[in-house]
C-alpha atoms as a PDB file:
ATOM      1  CA  MET A   1      -1.664  -3.064 -20.734  1.00  0.00           C
ATOM      2  CA  GLY A   2      -3.547  -1.559 -18.083  1.00  0.00           C
ATOM      3  CA  ILE A   3      -2.994   0.478 -14.638  1.00  0.00           C
ATOM      4  CA  ALA A   4      -2.123  -1.238 -11.437  1.00  0.00           C
ATOM      5  CA  LYS A   5      -2.678   0.991  -8.440  1.00  0.00           C
ATOM      6  CA  TYR A   6      -1.694   0.551  -4.857  1.00  0.00           C
ATOM      7  CA  GLU A   7      -2.738   2.384  -1.836  1.00  0.00           C
ATOM      8  CA  ILE A   8      -0.676   1.933   1.681  1.00  0.00           C
ATOM      9  CA  PHE A   9      -3.026   3.046   4.316  1.00  0.00           C
ATOM     10  CA  GLY A  10      -3.737   2.697   7.994  1.00  0.00           C
ATOM     11  CA  LYS A  11      -1.982   2.975  11.389  1.00  0.00           C
ATOM     12  CA  ASP A  12       0.111   1.297  13.845  1.00  0.00           C
ATOM     13  CA  GLY A  13      -0.524  -2.431  13.859  1.00  0.00           C
ATOM     14  CA  ALA A  14      -3.416  -2.403  11.210  1.00  0.00           C
ATOM     15  CA  TRP A  15      -1.907  -1.279   7.867  1.00  0.00           C
ATOM     16  CA  ARG A  16      -3.459  -2.276   4.542  1.00  0.00           C
ATOM     17  CA  MET A  17      -2.623  -2.230   0.946  1.00  0.00           C
ATOM     18  CA  ARG A  18      -5.667  -1.823  -1.555  1.00  0.00           C
ATOM     19  CA  HIS A  19      -4.924  -2.573  -5.056  1.00  0.00           C
ATOM     20  CA  ASP A  20      -7.365  -1.176  -7.937  1.00  0.00           C
ATOM     21  CA  GLY A  21      -9.757  -0.389  -5.210  1.00  0.00           C
ATOM     22  CA  LYS A  22      -9.743  -3.929  -3.482  1.00  0.00           C
ATOM     23  CA  THR A  23      -8.513  -4.013   0.354  1.00  0.00           C
ATOM     24  CA  GLU A  24      -7.458  -7.938   1.440  1.00  0.00           C
ATOM     25  CA  ASN A  25      -4.736  -8.336   3.862  1.00  0.00           C
ATOM     26  CA  GLU A  26      -3.964  -6.795   7.170  1.00  0.00           C
ATOM     27  CA  TYR A  27      -0.205  -6.159   8.188  1.00  0.00           C
ATOM     28  CA  ALA A  28       1.165  -5.143  11.366  1.00  0.00           C
ATOM     29  CA  THR A  29       3.605  -2.442   9.776  1.00  0.00           C
ATOM     30  CA  LYS A  30       3.464  -0.289   7.288  1.00  0.00           C
ATOM     31  CA  GLU A  31       6.873  -1.443   6.098  1.00  0.00           C
ATOM     32  CA  ALA A  32       5.100  -5.012   5.504  1.00  0.00           C
ATOM     33  CA  ALA A  33       2.258  -3.574   3.664  1.00  0.00           C
ATOM     34  CA  PHE A  34       4.494  -1.377   1.405  1.00  0.00           C
ATOM     35  CA  GLU A  35       6.946  -4.885   0.657  1.00  0.00           C
ATOM     36  CA  ALA A  36       3.709  -6.777  -0.099  1.00  0.00           C
ATOM     37  CA  ALA A  37       2.862  -3.819  -2.782  1.00  0.00           C
ATOM     38  CA  ILE A  38       6.242  -3.768  -3.935  1.00  0.00           C
ATOM     39  CA  ALA A  39       6.125  -7.378  -5.016  1.00  0.00           C
ATOM     40  CA  ALA A  40       2.829  -7.184  -6.419  1.00  0.00           C
ATOM     41  CA  ALA A  41       3.779  -4.034  -8.368  1.00  0.00           C
ATOM     42  CA  SER A  42       7.108  -6.183  -9.379  1.00  0.00           C
ATOM     43  CA  ILE A  43       4.866  -8.834 -11.570  1.00  0.00           C
ATOM     44  CA  ALA A  44       2.146  -5.942 -12.872  1.00  0.00           C
ATOM     45  CA  LEU A  45       5.106  -4.070 -14.129  1.00  0.00           C
ATOM     46  CA  ARG A  46       6.457  -7.644 -15.710  1.00  0.00           C
ATOM     47  CA  GLU A  47       3.174  -8.028 -17.075  1.00  0.00           C
ATOM     48  CA  GLY A  48       3.398  -4.631 -18.987  1.00  0.00           C
ATOM     49  CA  HIS A  49       0.810  -2.642 -16.743  1.00  0.00           C
ATOM     50  CA  ASP A  50       1.574   1.137 -15.630  1.00  0.00           C
ATOM     51  CA  VAL A  51       1.982   1.274 -12.113  1.00  0.00           C
ATOM     52  CA  THR A  52       1.153   3.658  -9.309  1.00  0.00           C
ATOM     53  CA  MET A  53       1.797   3.486  -5.455  1.00  0.00           C
ATOM     54  CA  THR A  54       0.840   5.713  -2.551  1.00  0.00           C
ATOM     55  CA  ALA A  55       1.758   5.692   0.982  1.00  0.00           C
ATOM     56  CA  ARG A  56      -0.434   7.799   3.169  1.00  0.00           C
ATOM     57  CA  PRO A  57       2.084   9.380   6.244  1.00  0.00           C
ATOM     58  CA  SER A  58       1.954   7.454   9.394  1.00  0.00           C
ATOM     59  CA  GLU A  59      -0.406   8.976  12.151  1.00  0.00           C
ATOM     60  CA  THR A  60      -0.154   9.085  15.852  1.00  0.00           C
ATOM     61  CA  THR A  61      -2.225   8.122  18.629  1.00  0.00           C
ATOM     62  CA  THR A  62      -4.226  11.400  18.435  1.00  0.00           C
ATOM     63  CA  GLY A  63      -4.751  11.032  14.423  1.00  0.00           C
ATOM     64  CA  ALA A  64      -2.487  13.822  13.907  1.00  0.00           C
ATOM     65  CA  PRO A  65       0.321  12.768  10.959  1.00  0.00           C
ATOM     66  CA  THR A  66       3.505  12.470  12.033  1.00  0.00           C
ATOM     67  CA  LYS A  67       6.208  15.095  10.814  1.00  0.00           C
END
């Protein structure tokens, strides 16, 4: 089987999940995007794919990463 890649990125109120290079939905919170990625990754695992997931750090209103 193949590799399913998920990336979570964005900032407050505008989080997205990219799956294999395609970005479709927007989520209000980082956690909501993460939960959507987990659900999709669970199906990919069941189908026999390798799964990679990345969640970028949150940013402040100035764009600086939080600590």
